[in-house]
């Protein structure tokens, strides 16, 4: 069987405190995400690889003008920066549940829980009840994370603390004035020792690049660091227990046997950026066809129609970092991780199940190399 991708998985450990800024702030307090976006890892690994594979003494800002551009491994893997197909995909690194060694993923938007502390019954349905059927308690939606292994619910899966720093005006080489707070500002941080599930995929045609990517993760990433305030000692990480898996289409065929396409849910594991505001049947099927072609190296299959039955979604703004321009990309609306779309099909199609199994590796929408659009196909709610 031909390998369609190489999957590199390990544990990302915070050697120092981390600041995963979301751009959100309250006054002078800069808020922190409890996870590491794929775009952050992509930027750090991309910068490290750019330095390691470049044949020049110093990488050019305009890579296309380099005489070695067509044979450059960095340009081939990170093709999205140059209007081409990317061949490396970074997934969001979510915090690990240390008791069962599985990651905390964003809880489904369909999940609700009884507010009675002595009950805490969970409901995972498209339309949750107002009152618990096991006690007199009220039922409210749960906003947080759920362990992929044991199912433990946590509103905040890692501790978030705060440190106060002095702002610096680099132009004047002096303390900077922050509106309303003098020279001080506050960062929310993830403490050192926190662990995250590290997961990325390299296209099957680039097996020669796996050792380079692995070296960048193990050796270069600790030097590059991730997140904000790296110059102040934050952001140092190390990758542990890194392993490489060669995935062939047998993996997808086995997964397809578990999917019943007559009625199913699609749950987002990471934010999804689409032109529309939701995941319509046409966009789902087109993404599934592309994933099928990517895995099986065949033409796009003819898939049966599906109908959207219902959805529970959240909306947020998404932005990433452009390695080519060295600046943040424009903000775009995205469907939040944990959103659930429920569909129905008139038949239990083997081809459709294979396409959905492939889609779990390939993702939906734009910014797939940045970790966006990761989905899981599940039984209907």
Protein backbone atom coordinates (compact mmCIF):
# COMPACT_ATOMS: atom_id res chain seq x y z
CA UNK A 1 0.00 0.00 0.00
CA UNK A 2 1.26 3.47 -0.87
CA UNK A 3 1.84 5.89 1.99
CA UNK A 4 -0.39 8.95 1.62
CA UNK A 5 1.08 10.84 4.57
CA UNK A 6 3.56 10.74 7.43
CA UNK A 7 2.17 11.68 10.82
CA UNK A 8 4.54 13.05 13.48
CA UNK A 9 3.15 12.96 17.00
CA UNK A 10 4.64 13.69 20.38
CA UNK A 11 4.28 15.76 23.54
CA UNK A 12 5.18 19.45 23.61
CA UNK A 13 6.39 20.45 27.09
CA UNK A 14 6.69 24.05 28.26
CA UNK A 15 10.22 24.54 29.61
CA UNK A 16 9.39 28.13 30.53
CA UNK A 17 6.04 29.90 30.82
CA UNK A 18 4.16 30.48 27.54
CA UNK A 19 2.02 33.37 26.30
CA UNK A 20 -0.34 32.28 23.51
CA UNK A 21 -1.85 35.66 22.73
CA UNK A 22 -5.26 35.78 21.09
CA UNK A 23 -5.17 39.52 20.36
CA UNK A 24 -7.85 39.99 23.02
CA UNK A 25 -7.18 42.21 26.00
CA UNK A 26 -8.93 43.86 28.90
CA UNK A 27 -7.30 47.21 29.57
CA UNK A 28 -3.57 46.44 29.84
CA UNK A 29 -4.13 42.70 30.40
CA UNK A 30 -3.24 40.59 27.35
CA UNK A 31 -5.25 37.39 27.42
CA UNK A 32 -3.84 33.93 26.69
CA UNK A 33 -5.30 30.88 24.98
CA UNK A 34 -5.12 27.56 26.90
CA UNK A 35 -3.78 25.80 23.78
CA UNK A 36 -1.19 26.32 21.01
CA UNK A 37 -2.66 27.20 17.58
CA UNK A 38 -1.30 25.34 14.57
CA UNK A 39 -0.24 28.65 13.00
CA UNK A 40 2.16 29.27 15.91
CA UNK A 41 3.89 25.93 15.41
CA UNK A 42 3.90 26.40 11.66
CA UNK A 43 5.65 29.75 12.00
CA UNK A 44 8.32 28.45 14.40
CA UNK A 45 9.07 25.27 12.43
CA UNK A 46 8.96 27.13 9.12
CA UNK A 47 11.51 29.67 10.35
CA UNK A 48 13.76 26.90 11.66
CA UNK A 49 13.56 24.92 8.41
CA UNK A 50 14.16 28.03 6.34
CA UNK A 51 17.47 28.50 8.13
CA UNK A 52 18.50 24.84 8.02
CA UNK A 53 17.84 24.04 4.33
CA UNK A 54 18.77 27.40 2.77
CA UNK A 55 21.85 27.18 0.52
CA UNK A 56 22.61 30.87 0.93
CA UNK A 57 24.43 32.49 3.85
CA UNK A 58 21.22 34.30 4.72
CA UNK A 59 17.69 33.45 3.46
CA UNK A 60 16.22 35.99 1.06
CA UNK A 61 13.08 37.92 2.00
CA UNK A 62 11.76 37.27 -1.53
CA UNK A 63 12.24 33.52 -1.89
CA UNK A 64 10.95 33.36 -5.46
CA UNK A 65 13.96 35.39 -6.65
CA UNK A 66 16.42 32.81 -5.28
CA UNK A 67 18.20 30.68 -7.88
CA UNK A 68 17.54 27.59 -5.73
CA UNK A 69 13.80 28.26 -5.31
CA UNK A 70 12.52 25.35 -7.43
CA UNK A 71 14.58 22.80 -5.51
CA UNK A 72 14.21 24.39 -2.05
CA UNK A 73 12.66 21.95 0.42
CA UNK A 74 11.20 24.79 2.49
CA UNK A 75 9.41 26.24 -0.56
CA UNK A 76 8.08 22.80 -1.51
CA UNK A 77 6.68 22.06 1.95
CA UNK A 78 5.35 25.55 2.73
CA UNK A 79 3.97 26.13 -0.75
CA UNK A 80 0.96 28.08 0.50
CA UNK A 81 3.23 31.08 1.07
CA UNK A 82 3.97 31.13 -2.68
CA UNK A 83 0.51 30.46 -4.09
CA UNK A 84 1.12 26.71 -4.37
CA UNK A 85 -0.05 23.59 -2.54
CA UNK A 86 1.32 23.11 0.95
CA UNK A 87 2.68 19.68 1.77
CA UNK A 88 2.92 20.02 5.54
CA UNK A 89 -0.06 20.50 7.88
CA UNK A 90 0.16 21.58 11.51
CA UNK A 91 -2.65 20.77 13.92
CA UNK A 92 -3.67 22.66 17.04
CA UNK A 93 -1.75 21.46 20.11
CA UNK A 94 -4.30 20.99 22.89
CA UNK A 95 -3.34 20.42 26.56
CA UNK A 96 -2.82 16.87 27.76
CA UNK A 97 -4.85 15.23 30.51
CA UNK A 98 -1.94 13.77 32.45
CA UNK A 99 -4.02 11.09 34.19
CA UNK A 100 -5.02 9.31 30.98
CA UNK A 101 -2.42 10.70 28.55
CA UNK A 102 -5.00 12.05 26.09
CA UNK A 103 -5.63 15.65 24.96
CA UNK A 104 -8.41 17.93 26.09
CA UNK A 105 -10.35 18.91 22.95
CA UNK A 106 -12.91 21.73 22.67
CA UNK A 107 -16.20 20.40 24.00
CA UNK A 108 -19.01 19.95 21.45
CA UNK A 109 -21.41 22.88 21.27
CA UNK A 110 -24.17 20.28 21.72
CA UNK A 111 -22.91 19.40 25.20
CA UNK A 112 -24.91 20.61 28.21
CA UNK A 113 -24.70 19.72 31.87
CA UNK A 114 -26.96 19.75 34.90
CA UNK A 115 -26.04 22.60 37.24
CA UNK A 116 -26.80 20.60 40.38
CA UNK A 117 -23.35 19.79 41.92
CA UNK A 118 -24.70 16.48 43.21
CA UNK A 119 -25.93 15.42 39.78
CA UNK A 120 -23.91 16.93 36.89
CA UNK A 121 -25.67 14.75 34.34
CA UNK A 122 -24.47 15.43 30.77
CA UNK A 123 -26.62 15.83 27.68
CA UNK A 124 -25.09 15.71 24.18
CA UNK A 125 -28.01 16.49 21.85
CA UNK A 126 -28.80 19.14 19.27
CA UNK A 127 -31.57 20.59 21.46
CA UNK A 128 -30.77 20.19 25.14
CA UNK A 129 -33.55 20.19 27.78
CA UNK A 130 -34.08 23.10 30.16
CA UNK A 131 -34.41 20.83 33.19
CA UNK A 132 -32.55 17.68 34.17
CA UNK A 133 -34.54 14.45 33.96
CA UNK A 134 -32.61 12.96 36.88
CA UNK A 135 -33.03 15.80 39.41
CA UNK A 136 -34.72 19.21 39.75
CA UNK A 137 -31.60 21.02 38.53
CA UNK A 138 -31.44 23.28 35.46
CA UNK A 139 -29.41 22.34 32.36
CA UNK A 140 -27.01 24.79 30.72
CA UNK A 141 -24.57 24.52 27.77
CA UNK A 142 -21.02 23.59 28.74
CA UNK A 143 -18.27 25.88 27.44
CA UNK A 144 -14.85 24.31 27.88
CA UNK A 145 -12.85 21.21 27.03
CA UNK A 146 -13.44 17.47 27.14
CA UNK A 147 -10.75 14.80 27.53
CA UNK A 148 -10.59 12.61 24.42
CA UNK A 149 -9.83 9.59 26.60
CA UNK A 150 -11.85 9.56 29.82
CA UNK A 151 -14.38 12.28 28.95
CA UNK A 152 -13.52 14.55 31.88
CA UNK A 153 -14.91 18.07 31.45
CA UNK A 154 -12.79 21.11 32.34
CA UNK A 155 -13.62 24.74 31.70
CA UNK A 156 -9.90 25.59 31.86
CA UNK A 157 -7.67 22.52 31.22
CA UNK A 158 -4.44 24.37 32.13
CA UNK A 159 -3.71 26.94 34.79
CA UNK A 160 -3.59 30.52 33.51
CA UNK A 161 -1.69 32.97 35.71
CA UNK A 162 -0.55 36.58 35.26
CA UNK A 163 2.74 38.45 35.32
CA UNK A 164 3.25 42.20 35.21
CA UNK A 165 6.02 43.65 33.04
CA UNK A 166 7.41 47.04 32.10
CA UNK A 167 6.63 48.10 28.55
CA UNK A 168 9.63 49.12 26.44
CA UNK A 169 9.71 51.68 23.62
CA UNK A 170 12.40 50.22 21.35
CA UNK A 171 12.55 53.35 19.19
CA UNK A 172 13.39 55.61 22.14
CA UNK A 173 15.22 52.90 24.11
CA UNK A 174 13.22 53.72 27.20
CA UNK A 175 10.18 52.64 29.17
CA UNK A 176 6.98 53.00 27.16
CA UNK A 177 3.81 54.62 28.39
CA UNK A 178 0.80 52.29 28.31
CA UNK A 179 -2.51 54.16 28.31
CA UNK A 180 -4.04 54.14 31.77
CA UNK A 181 -1.24 52.13 33.41
CA UNK A 182 1.98 54.10 33.18
CA UNK A 183 4.81 51.83 32.09
CA UNK A 184 3.27 48.52 33.22
CA UNK A 185 1.31 45.87 31.35
CA UNK A 186 0.11 42.39 32.31
CA UNK A 187 0.42 39.08 30.45
CA UNK A 188 -1.61 35.97 31.04
CA UNK A 189 0.69 32.94 30.86
CA UNK A 190 0.63 29.15 30.86
CA UNK A 191 3.07 27.93 33.55
CA UNK A 192 6.16 25.88 32.76
CA UNK A 193 5.67 22.13 32.84
CA UNK A 194 2.36 22.21 30.94
CA UNK A 195 2.13 19.54 28.24
CA UNK A 196 0.38 19.63 24.87
CA UNK A 197 -0.36 17.05 22.17
CA UNK A 198 1.90 17.83 19.18
CA UNK A 199 0.58 16.55 15.85
CA UNK A 200 1.53 17.35 12.25
CA UNK A 201 1.27 15.70 8.84
CA UNK A 202 3.73 15.58 5.93
CA UNK A 203 2.46 14.63 2.47
CA UNK A 204 3.34 11.10 1.36
CA UNK A 205 5.35 12.38 -1.61
CA UNK A 206 7.81 14.08 0.76
CA UNK A 207 9.20 11.19 2.77
CA UNK A 208 12.67 12.68 2.23
CA UNK A 209 11.61 15.69 4.31
CA UNK A 210 10.51 13.77 7.40
CA UNK A 211 13.97 13.64 8.99
CA UNK A 212 14.43 17.38 8.38
CA UNK A 213 11.07 18.18 9.98
CA UNK A 214 11.83 15.83 12.87
CA UNK A 215 15.18 17.56 13.47
CA UNK A 216 13.47 20.96 13.39
CA UNK A 217 10.99 19.80 16.04
CA UNK A 218 13.53 18.20 18.37
CA UNK A 219 16.59 20.43 17.93
CA UNK A 220 15.55 23.79 16.46
CA UNK A 221 12.15 24.42 18.08
CA UNK A 222 13.63 24.85 21.59
CA UNK A 223 15.90 27.59 20.22
CA UNK A 224 13.17 29.31 18.17
CA UNK A 225 10.57 29.29 20.92
CA UNK A 226 6.86 29.95 20.44
CA UNK A 227 4.33 32.59 21.41
CA UNK A 228 4.82 36.10 22.75
CA UNK A 229 7.56 37.77 24.83
CA UNK A 230 10.28 35.32 23.82
CA UNK A 231 12.85 38.08 24.34
CA UNK A 232 11.78 38.17 28.00
CA UNK A 233 12.43 34.47 28.58
CA UNK A 234 9.00 33.06 27.70
CA UNK A 235 8.15 30.52 25.03
CA UNK A 236 10.83 27.85 25.38
CA UNK A 237 9.47 24.35 24.65
CA UNK A 238 10.74 20.83 24.06
CA UNK A 239 9.25 17.91 22.13
CA UNK A 240 9.19 14.54 23.90
CA UNK A 241 8.31 11.01 22.77
CA UNK A 242 8.22 12.02 19.10
CA UNK A 243 7.19 9.19 16.79
CA UNK A 244 6.64 8.95 13.05
CA UNK A 245 3.74 6.93 11.61
CA UNK A 246 3.47 5.94 7.95
CA UNK A 247 -0.23 6.04 7.06
CA UNK A 248 -1.56 4.17 4.02
CA UNK A 249 -5.10 3.84 2.68
CA UNK A 250 -5.72 0.75 4.86
CA UNK A 251 -5.95 3.11 7.84
CA UNK A 252 -8.68 5.06 6.06
CA UNK A 253 -10.54 1.89 4.98
CA UNK A 254 -10.64 0.60 8.56
CA UNK A 255 -11.88 3.95 9.84
CA UNK A 256 -14.57 4.04 7.13
CA UNK A 257 -16.07 0.81 8.47
CA UNK A 258 -16.99 2.70 11.66
CA UNK A 259 -18.91 5.47 9.85
CA UNK A 260 -22.64 5.13 9.12
CA UNK A 261 -23.42 7.74 6.46
CA UNK A 262 -27.22 7.44 6.76
CA UNK A 263 -27.19 9.87 9.68
CA UNK A 264 -24.06 11.44 11.13
CA UNK A 265 -22.52 14.49 12.81
CA UNK A 266 -19.44 16.46 11.81
CA UNK A 267 -17.67 18.04 14.80
CA UNK A 268 -14.98 20.68 14.41
CA UNK A 269 -11.79 20.07 16.38
CA UNK A 270 -10.33 23.44 15.32
CA UNK A 271 -11.76 26.68 13.87
CA UNK A 272 -13.01 26.43 10.28
CA UNK A 273 -12.61 29.28 7.79
CA UNK A 274 -15.11 29.12 4.90
CA UNK A 275 -16.50 31.68 2.49
CA UNK A 276 -19.97 31.03 3.89
CA UNK A 277 -21.08 31.22 7.50
CA UNK A 278 -21.69 27.50 7.90
CA UNK A 279 -20.80 24.05 6.60
CA UNK A 280 -23.28 23.42 3.80
CA UNK A 281 -23.75 19.97 2.20
CA UNK A 282 -22.08 21.16 -1.03
CA UNK A 283 -18.94 22.41 0.76
CA UNK A 284 -18.77 19.25 2.90
CA UNK A 285 -18.98 16.95 -0.12
CA UNK A 286 -16.44 18.96 -2.12
CA UNK A 287 -13.98 18.81 0.78
CA UNK A 288 -14.63 15.06 1.10
CA UNK A 289 -13.95 14.52 -2.61
CA UNK A 290 -10.63 16.36 -2.38
CA UNK A 291 -9.64 14.33 0.68
CA UNK A 292 -10.53 11.09 -1.14
CA UNK A 293 -8.36 12.08 -4.11
CA UNK A 294 -5.48 13.00 -1.80
CA UNK A 295 -5.54 9.62 -0.01
CA UNK A 296 -6.33 7.22 -2.87
CA UNK A 297 -4.68 9.14 -5.76
CA UNK A 298 -7.81 8.73 -7.87
CA UNK A 299 -10.23 11.11 -9.53
CA UNK A 300 -12.94 12.74 -7.45
CA UNK A 301 -15.62 10.14 -6.59
CA UNK A 302 -19.31 10.54 -7.25
CA UNK A 303 -20.91 10.88 -3.83
CA UNK A 304 -24.58 10.72 -2.83
CA UNK A 305 -26.35 13.86 -1.67
CA UNK A 306 -26.56 14.73 2.02
CA UNK A 307 -28.95 17.06 3.82
CA UNK A 308 -28.22 19.31 6.78
CA UNK A 309 -30.58 18.42 9.65
CA UNK A 310 -29.36 20.84 12.29
CA UNK A 311 -26.36 22.56 13.80
CA UNK A 312 -24.98 24.09 16.99
CA UNK A 313 -22.19 26.53 16.19
CA UNK A 314 -20.07 29.33 17.59
CA UNK A 315 -18.30 32.11 15.67
CA UNK A 316 -14.91 33.74 16.27
CA UNK A 317 -12.24 35.69 14.40
CA UNK A 318 -9.16 33.94 13.03
CA UNK A 319 -5.79 35.21 11.92
CA UNK A 320 -2.40 33.63 11.30
CA UNK A 321 1.15 34.70 10.66
CA UNK A 322 2.54 35.03 7.14
CA UNK A 323 6.13 33.78 6.92
CA UNK A 324 6.50 35.43 3.52
CA UNK A 325 5.52 38.96 4.55
CA UNK A 326 6.59 38.69 8.18
CA UNK A 327 3.30 40.10 9.44
CA UNK A 328 -0.06 38.97 10.79
CA UNK A 329 -2.68 38.04 8.20
CA UNK A 330 -5.98 39.90 8.09
CA UNK A 331 -8.67 38.82 10.52
CA UNK A 332 -11.36 36.55 9.08
CA UNK A 333 -14.58 35.14 10.55
CA UNK A 334 -14.40 31.46 11.47
CA UNK A 335 -16.74 28.79 12.84
CA UNK A 336 -15.48 27.89 16.32
CA UNK A 337 -13.97 24.58 17.37
CA UNK A 338 -16.58 22.33 18.97
CA UNK A 339 -19.30 23.35 16.50
CA UNK A 340 -21.47 20.42 15.37
CA UNK A 341 -23.31 19.91 12.07
CA UNK A 342 -25.74 17.02 11.69
CA UNK A 343 -26.49 15.48 8.29
CA UNK A 344 -28.67 12.80 6.75
CA UNK A 345 -28.12 10.66 3.64
CA UNK A 346 -30.54 8.30 1.87
CA UNK A 347 -28.00 5.48 1.75
CA UNK A 348 -25.11 3.99 3.71
CA UNK A 349 -22.51 4.68 1.03
CA UNK A 350 -19.10 3.01 1.21
CA UNK A 351 -17.57 5.69 -1.03
CA UNK A 352 -18.95 8.44 1.19
CA UNK A 353 -17.62 6.74 4.32
CA UNK A 354 -14.16 6.47 2.72
CA UNK A 355 -14.25 10.14 1.75
CA UNK A 356 -15.24 11.16 5.30
CA UNK A 357 -12.51 8.98 6.82
CA UNK A 358 -10.00 10.71 4.52
CA UNK A 359 -11.45 14.10 5.46
CA UNK A 360 -10.47 13.57 9.10
CA UNK A 361 -6.85 13.78 7.95
CA UNK A 362 -7.25 16.46 5.26
CA UNK A 363 -9.64 19.00 6.90
CA UNK A 364 -12.22 21.47 5.53
CA UNK A 365 -11.94 25.05 4.28
CA UNK A 366 -8.94 27.34 3.99
CA UNK A 367 -5.86 27.62 6.25
CA UNK A 368 -5.62 23.83 6.49
CA UNK A 369 -1.79 24.03 6.80
CA UNK A 370 -2.35 26.24 9.85
CA UNK A 371 -4.48 23.58 11.55
CA UNK A 372 -7.91 24.96 10.66
CA UNK A 373 -10.88 22.83 9.66
CA UNK A 374 -9.97 19.61 11.47
CA UNK A 375 -13.09 17.47 11.81
CA UNK A 376 -14.33 14.25 13.38
CA UNK A 377 -17.25 12.32 11.86
CA UNK A 378 -19.44 10.83 14.58
CA UNK A 379 -22.80 9.22 15.18
CA UNK A 380 -25.78 11.56 15.03
CA UNK A 381 -26.76 13.35 18.23
